[in-house]
PDB file of N, CA and C in Angstrom:
ATOM      1  N   MET A   1      21.974  14.603  64.759  1.00  0.00           N
ATOM      2  CA  MET A   1      21.880  13.301  65.386  1.00  0.00           C
ATOM      3  C   MET A   1      20.786  13.371  66.436  1.00  0.00           C
ATOM      4  N   ALA A   2      20.248  12.247  66.793  1.00  0.00           N
ATOM      5  CA  ALA A   2      19.206  12.166  67.809  1.00  0.00           C
ATOM      6  C   ALA A   2      19.353  10.854  68.565  1.00  0.00           C
ATOM      7  N   MET A   3      18.582  10.743  69.603  1.00  0.00           N
ATOM      8  CA  MET A   3      18.576   9.520  70.391  1.00  0.00           C
ATOM      9  C   MET A   3      17.565   8.554  69.780  1.00  0.00           C
ATOM     10  N   ARG A   4      17.690   7.284  70.103  1.00  0.00           N
ATOM     11  CA  ARG A   4      16.700   6.295  69.689  1.00  0.00           C
ATOM     12  C   ARG A   4      16.482   5.326  70.835  1.00  0.00           C
ATOM     13  N   ILE A   5      15.326   4.719  70.862  1.00  0.00           N
ATOM     14  CA  ILE A   5      14.979   3.768  71.904  1.00  0.00           C
ATOM     15  C   ILE A   5      14.993   2.373  71.300  1.00  0.00           C
ATOM     16  N   VAL A   6      15.700   1.456  71.946  1.00  0.00           N
ATOM     17  CA  VAL A   6      15.758   0.073  71.492  1.00  0.00           C
ATOM     18  C   VAL A   6      14.427  -0.572  71.869  1.00  0.00           C
ATOM     19  N   VAL A   7      13.561  -0.766  70.898  1.00  0.00           N
ATOM     20  CA  VAL A   7      12.193  -1.198  71.127  1.00  0.00           C
ATOM     21  C   VAL A   7      12.116  -2.491  71.921  1.00  0.00           C
ATOM     22  N   GLU A   8      12.929  -3.467  71.584  1.00  0.00           N
ATOM     23  CA  GLU A   8      12.827  -4.758  72.265  1.00  0.00           C
ATOM     24  C   GLU A   8      13.244  -4.686  73.736  1.00  0.00           C
ATOM     25  N   ASP A   9      13.945  -3.631  74.144  1.00  0.00           N
ATOM     26  CA  ASP A   9      14.356  -3.484  75.532  1.00  0.00           C
ATOM     27  C   ASP A   9      13.445  -2.562  76.337  1.00  0.00           C
ATOM     28  N   CYS A  10      12.659  -1.729  75.672  1.00  0.00           N
ATOM     29  CA  CYS A  10      11.824  -0.734  76.343  1.00  0.00           C
ATOM     30  C   CYS A  10      10.726  -1.414  77.163  1.00  0.00           C
ATOM     31  N   ILE A  11      10.600  -0.989  78.436  1.00  0.00           N
ATOM     32  CA  ILE A  11       9.574  -1.559  79.312  1.00  0.00           C
ATOM     33  C   ILE A  11       8.380  -0.607  79.468  1.00  0.00           C
ATOM     34  N   ASN A  12       8.334   0.453  78.671  1.00  0.00           N
ATOM     35  CA  ASN A  12       7.227   1.416  78.664  1.00  0.00           C
ATOM     36  C   ASN A  12       6.997   2.073  80.023  1.00  0.00           C
ATOM     37  N   CYS A  13       8.052   2.461  80.694  1.00  0.00           N
ATOM     38  CA  CYS A  13       7.936   3.059  82.022  1.00  0.00           C
ATOM     39  C   CYS A  13       7.681   4.566  81.976  1.00  0.00           C
ATOM     40  N   ALA A  14       7.960   5.204  80.855  1.00  0.00           N
ATOM     41  CA  ALA A  14       7.748   6.637  80.635  1.00  0.00           C
ATOM     42  C   ALA A  14       8.770   7.543  81.312  1.00  0.00           C
ATOM     43  N   ALA A  15       9.812   7.003  81.915  1.00  0.00           N
ATOM     44  CA  ALA A  15      10.825   7.832  82.570  1.00  0.00           C
ATOM     45  C   ALA A  15      11.479   8.786  81.573  1.00  0.00           C
ATOM     46  N   CYS A  16      11.705   8.338  80.374  1.00  0.00           N
ATOM     47  CA  CYS A  16      12.361   9.171  79.363  1.00  0.00           C
ATOM     48  C   CYS A  16      11.439  10.306  78.897  1.00  0.00           C
ATOM     49  N   GLU A  17      10.178  10.019  78.748  1.00  0.00           N
ATOM     50  CA  GLU A  17       9.219  11.012  78.253  1.00  0.00           C
ATOM     51  C   GLU A  17       9.058  12.170  79.234  1.00  0.00           C
ATOM     52  N   GLU A  18       8.965  11.859  80.500  1.00  0.00           N
ATOM     53  CA  GLU A  18       8.710  12.872  81.526  1.00  0.00           C
ATOM     54  C   GLU A  18       9.792  13.932  81.618  1.00  0.00           C
ATOM     55  N   ASP A  19      11.038  13.580  81.362  1.00  0.00           N
ATOM     56  CA  ASP A  19      12.142  14.518  81.536  1.00  0.00           C
ATOM     57  C   ASP A  19      12.713  15.079  80.245  1.00  0.00           C
ATOM     58  N   CYS A  20      12.097  14.815  79.119  1.00  0.00           N
ATOM     59  CA  CYS A  20      12.618  15.314  77.846  1.00  0.00           C
ATOM     60  C   CYS A  20      12.344  16.815  77.722  1.00  0.00           C
ATOM     61  N   PRO A  21      13.400  17.647  77.681  1.00  0.00           N
ATOM     62  CA  PRO A  21      13.199  19.095  77.629  1.00  0.00           C
ATOM     63  C   PRO A  21      12.607  19.594  76.307  1.00  0.00           C
ATOM     64  N   THR A  22      12.719  18.802  75.247  1.00  0.00           N
ATOM     65  CA  THR A  22      12.172  19.229  73.953  1.00  0.00           C
ATOM     66  C   THR A  22      10.867  18.512  73.608  1.00  0.00           C
ATOM     67  N   GLU A  23      10.368  17.707  74.546  1.00  0.00           N
ATOM     68  CA  GLU A  23       9.139  16.935  74.346  1.00  0.00           C
ATOM     69  C   GLU A  23       9.194  16.106  73.060  1.00  0.00           C
ATOM     70  N   SER A  24      10.369  15.525  72.806  1.00  0.00           N
ATOM     71  CA  SER A  24      10.609  14.739  71.597  1.00  0.00           C
ATOM     72  C   SER A  24      10.254  13.266  71.757  1.00  0.00           C
ATOM     73  N   ILE A  25       9.891  12.849  72.952  1.00  0.00           N
ATOM     74  CA  ILE A  25       9.601  11.442  73.211  1.00  0.00           C
ATOM     75  C   ILE A  25       8.105  11.264  73.418  1.00  0.00           C
ATOM     76  N   SER A  26       7.570  10.247  72.760  1.00  0.00           N
ATOM     77  CA  SER A  26       6.135   9.989  72.894  1.00  0.00           C
ATOM     78  C   SER A  26       5.877   8.487  72.875  1.00  0.00           C
ATOM     79  N   LYS A  27       4.707   8.123  73.363  1.00  0.00           N
ATOM     80  CA  LYS A  27       4.312   6.717  73.402  1.00  0.00           C
ATOM     81  C   LYS A  27       4.027   6.237  71.992  1.00  0.00           C
ATOM     82  N   GLY A  28       4.709   5.185  71.588  1.00  0.00           N
ATOM     83  CA  GLY A  28       4.478   4.584  70.283  1.00  0.00           C
ATOM     84  C   GLY A  28       3.618   3.349  70.425  1.00  0.00           C
ATOM     85  N   GLU A  29       3.495   2.605  69.365  1.00  0.00           N
ATOM     86  CA  GLU A  29       2.665   1.401  69.380  1.00  0.00           C
ATOM     87  C   GLU A  29       3.226   0.326  70.311  1.00  0.00           C
ATOM     88  N   ASP A  30       4.519   0.051  70.204  1.00  0.00           N
ATOM     89  CA  ASP A  30       5.148  -0.994  71.006  1.00  0.00           C
ATOM     90  C   ASP A  30       6.061  -0.460  72.104  1.00  0.00           C
ATOM     91  N   ALA A  31       6.527   0.769  71.943  1.00  0.00           N
ATOM     92  CA  ALA A  31       7.472   1.360  72.882  1.00  0.00           C
ATOM     93  C   ALA A  31       7.453   2.868  72.674  1.00  0.00           C
ATOM     94  N   PHE A  32       8.193   3.567  73.484  1.00  0.00           N
ATOM     95  CA  PHE A  32       8.303   5.006  73.294  1.00  0.00           C
ATOM     96  C   PHE A  32       9.188   5.280  72.086  1.00  0.00           C
ATOM     97  N   THR A  33       8.959   6.416  71.439  1.00  0.00           N
ATOM     98  CA  THR A  33       9.731   6.784  70.261  1.00  0.00           C
ATOM     99  C   THR A  33      10.322   8.176  70.452  1.00  0.00           C
ATOM    100  N   VAL A  34      11.402   8.452  69.734  1.00  0.00           N
ATOM    101  CA  VAL A  34      12.062   9.747  69.783  1.00  0.00           C
ATOM    102  C   VAL A  34      11.918  10.414  68.426  1.00  0.00           C
ATOM    103  N   ASN A  35      11.430  11.646  68.416  1.00  0.00           N
ATOM    104  CA  ASN A  35      11.297  12.420  67.191  1.00  0.00           C
ATOM    105  C   ASN A  35      12.673  12.979  66.842  1.00  0.00           C
ATOM    106  N   ALA A  36      13.288  12.446  65.804  1.00  0.00           N
ATOM    107  CA  ALA A  36      14.645  12.849  65.417  1.00  0.00           C
ATOM    108  C   ALA A  36      14.711  14.302  64.947  1.00  0.00           C
ATOM    109  N   GLU A  37      13.602  14.850  64.513  1.00  0.00           N
ATOM    110  CA  GLU A  37      13.586  16.236  64.026  1.00  0.00           C
ATOM    111  C   GLU A  37      13.660  17.250  65.165  1.00  0.00           C
ATOM    112  N   THR A  38      13.216  16.870  66.355  1.00  0.00           N
ATOM    113  CA  THR A  38      13.232  17.816  67.468  1.00  0.00           C
ATOM    114  C   THR A  38      14.219  17.454  68.574  1.00  0.00           C
ATOM    115  N   CYS A  39      14.716  16.224  68.576  1.00  0.00           N
ATOM    116  CA  CYS A  39      15.677  15.790  69.593  1.00  0.00           C
ATOM    117  C   CYS A  39      17.002  16.523  69.418  1.00  0.00           C
ATOM    118  N   THR A  40      17.491  17.115  70.500  1.00  0.00           N
ATOM    119  CA  THR A  40      18.775  17.821  70.480  1.00  0.00           C
ATOM    120  C   THR A  40      19.841  17.095  71.282  1.00  0.00           C
ATOM    121  N   GLU A  41      19.515  15.893  71.793  1.00  0.00           N
ATOM    122  CA  GLU A  41      20.385  15.144  72.695  1.00  0.00           C
ATOM    123  C   GLU A  41      20.715  15.969  73.926  1.00  0.00           C
ATOM    124  N   CYS A  42      19.821  16.902  74.271  1.00  0.00           N
ATOM    125  CA  CYS A  42      19.943  17.774  75.442  1.00  0.00           C
ATOM    126  C   CYS A  42      21.173  18.675  75.390  1.00  0.00           C
ATOM    127  N   GLU A  43      21.684  18.896  74.201  1.00  0.00           N
ATOM    128  CA  GLU A  43      22.846  19.761  74.033  1.00  0.00           C
ATOM    129  C   GLU A  43      22.530  21.140  74.587  1.00  0.00           C
ATOM    130  N   ASP A  44      23.445  21.715  75.321  1.00  0.00           N
ATOM    131  CA  ASP A  44      23.317  23.021  75.969  1.00  0.00           C
ATOM    132  C   ASP A  44      22.311  23.037  77.122  1.00  0.00           C
ATOM    133  N   GLU A  45      21.750  21.877  77.482  1.00  0.00           N
ATOM    134  CA  GLU A  45      20.813  21.821  78.604  1.00  0.00           C
ATOM    135  C   GLU A  45      21.316  20.917  79.724  1.00  0.00           C
ATOM    136  N   TYR A  46      21.879  19.775  79.343  1.00  0.00           N
ATOM    137  CA  TYR A  46      22.387  18.800  80.307  1.00  0.00           C
ATOM    138  C   TYR A  46      23.703  18.243  79.782  1.00  0.00           C
ATOM    139  N   PRO A  47      24.564  17.736  80.680  1.00  0.00           N
ATOM    140  CA  PRO A  47      25.839  17.169  80.229  1.00  0.00           C
ATOM    141  C   PRO A  47      25.660  15.932  79.345  1.00  0.00           C
ATOM    142  N   GLU A  48      24.600  15.156  79.600  1.00  0.00           N
ATOM    143  CA  GLU A  48      24.296  13.940  78.844  1.00  0.00           C
ATOM    144  C   GLU A  48      22.815  13.964  78.486  1.00  0.00           C
ATOM    145  N   PRO A  49      22.389  13.220  77.459  1.00  0.00           N
ATOM    146  CA  PRO A  49      20.963  13.155  77.152  1.00  0.00           C
ATOM    147  C   PRO A  49      20.161  12.683  78.371  1.00  0.00           C
ATOM    148  N   LYS A  50      19.151  13.450  78.733  1.00  0.00           N
ATOM    149  CA  LYS A  50      18.359  13.170  79.927  1.00  0.00           C
ATOM    150  C   LYS A  50      17.627  11.826  79.822  1.00  0.00           C
ATOM    151  N   CYS A  51      17.154  11.482  78.635  1.00  0.00           N
ATOM    152  CA  CYS A  51      16.426  10.220  78.473  1.00  0.00           C
ATOM    153  C   CYS A  51      17.319   9.024  78.771  1.00  0.00           C
ATOM    154  N   GLU A  52      18.549   9.105  78.317  1.00  0.00           N
ATOM    155  CA  GLU A  52      19.504   8.016  78.561  1.00  0.00           C
ATOM    156  C   GLU A  52      19.816   7.910  80.057  1.00  0.00           C
ATOM    157  N   GLU A  53      19.941   9.051  80.711  1.00  0.00           N
ATOM    158  CA  GLU A  53      20.230   9.088  82.136  1.00  0.00           C
ATOM    159  C   GLU A  53      19.054   8.544  82.964  1.00  0.00           C
ATOM    160  N   MET A  54      17.837   8.868  82.595  1.00  0.00           N
ATOM    161  CA  MET A  54      16.664   8.497  83.378  1.00  0.00           C
ATOM    162  C   MET A  54      16.179   7.069  83.128  1.00  0.00           C
ATOM    163  N   CYS A  55      16.521   6.478  82.013  1.00  0.00           N
ATOM    164  CA  CYS A  55      16.048   5.144  81.670  1.00  0.00           C
ATOM    165  C   CYS A  55      16.600   4.099  82.647  1.00  0.00           C
ATOM    166  N   PRO A  56      15.717   3.259  83.220  1.00  0.00           N
ATOM    167  CA  PRO A  56      16.186   2.246  84.156  1.00  0.00           C
ATOM    168  C   PRO A  56      16.832   1.031  83.484  1.00  0.00           C
ATOM    169  N   ILE A  57      16.744   0.944  82.154  1.00  0.00           N
ATOM    170  CA  ILE A  57      17.309  -0.185  81.417  1.00  0.00           C
ATOM    171  C   ILE A  57      18.597   0.253  80.725  1.00  0.00           C
ATOM    172  N   ASP A  58      19.733  -0.264  81.157  1.00  0.00           N
ATOM    173  CA  ASP A  58      21.011   0.080  80.536  1.00  0.00           C
ATOM    174  C   ASP A  58      21.016  -0.297  79.065  1.00  0.00           C
ATOM    175  N   GLY A  59      21.402   0.642  78.219  1.00  0.00           N
ATOM    176  CA  GLY A  59      21.519   0.378  76.792  1.00  0.00           C
ATOM    177  C   GLY A  59      20.218   0.462  76.018  1.00  0.00           C
ATOM    178  N   CYS A  60      19.137   0.885  76.654  1.00  0.00           N
ATOM    179  CA  CYS A  60      17.849   0.975  75.958  1.00  0.00           C
ATOM    180  C   CYS A  60      17.749   2.252  75.127  1.00  0.00           C
ATOM    181  N   VAL A  61      18.285   3.344  75.649  1.00  0.00           N
ATOM    182  CA  VAL A  61      18.272   4.620  74.930  1.00  0.00           C
ATOM    183  C   VAL A  61      19.704   4.892  74.474  1.00  0.00           C
ATOM    184  N   VAL A  62      19.881   4.977  73.176  1.00  0.00           N
ATOM    185  CA  VAL A  62      21.214   5.149  72.608  1.00  0.00           C
ATOM    186  C   VAL A  62      21.193   6.211  71.515  1.00  0.00           C
ATOM    187  N   LYS A  63      22.361   6.669  71.132  1.00  0.00           N
ATOM    188  CA  LYS A  63      22.436   7.612  70.023  1.00  0.00           C
ATOM    189  C   LYS A  63      22.079   6.890  68.732  1.00  0.00           C
ATOM    190  N   ALA A  64      21.311   7.573  67.894  1.00  0.00           N
ATOM    191  CA  ALA A  64      20.950   6.998  66.604  1.00  0.00           C
ATOM    192  C   ALA A  64      22.201   6.857  65.758  1.00  0.00           C
ATOM    193  N   GLU A  65      22.207   5.851  64.945  1.00  0.00           N
ATOM    194  CA  GLU A  65      23.358   5.617  64.082  1.00  0.00           C
ATOM    195  C   GLU A  65      23.362   6.627  62.946  1.00  0.00           C
ATOM    196  N   THR A  66      24.533   7.103  62.613  1.00  0.00           N
ATOM    197  CA  THR A  66      24.662   8.046  61.517  1.00  0.00           C
ATOM    198  C   THR A  66      24.535   7.292  60.208  1.00  0.00           C
ATOM    199  N   PRO A  67      23.671   7.766  59.288  1.00  0.00           N
ATOM    200  CA  PRO A  67      23.535   7.067  58.011  1.00  0.00           C
ATOM    201  C   PRO A  67      24.829   7.145  57.207  1.00  0.00           C
ATOM    202  N   HIS A  68      25.111   6.089  56.500  1.00  0.00           N
ATOM    203  CA  HIS A  68      26.306   6.067  55.658  1.00  0.00           C
ATOM    204  C   HIS A  68      26.055   6.902  54.395  1.00  0.00           C
ATOM    205  N   ARG A  69      27.039   7.705  54.042  1.00  0.00           N
ATOM    206  CA  ARG A  69      26.927   8.537  52.840  1.00  0.00           C
ATOM    207  C   ARG A  69      27.975   8.109  51.837  1.00  0.00           C
ATOM    208  N   ARG A  70      27.601   8.153  50.600  1.00  0.00           N
ATOM    209  CA  ARG A  70      28.549   7.765  49.539  1.00  0.00           C
ATOM    210  C   ARG A  70      28.983   8.953  48.739  1.00  0.00           C
TER     211      ARG A  70
END
């Protein structure tokens, strides 16, 4: 699982990018993006994902939805 940024809520402040321990967050075309392949949700580093904690917009950084499997 990884974090995701709600594009329509992102104000491009870069708070999430600066504190990402895995450098999984980068500036995208419209908003910052999270690389799901490298994002660890800060497991074993912080009690909660650092990007979610640092974001000034409540609900902008959330856990990615788990894909449905059949």
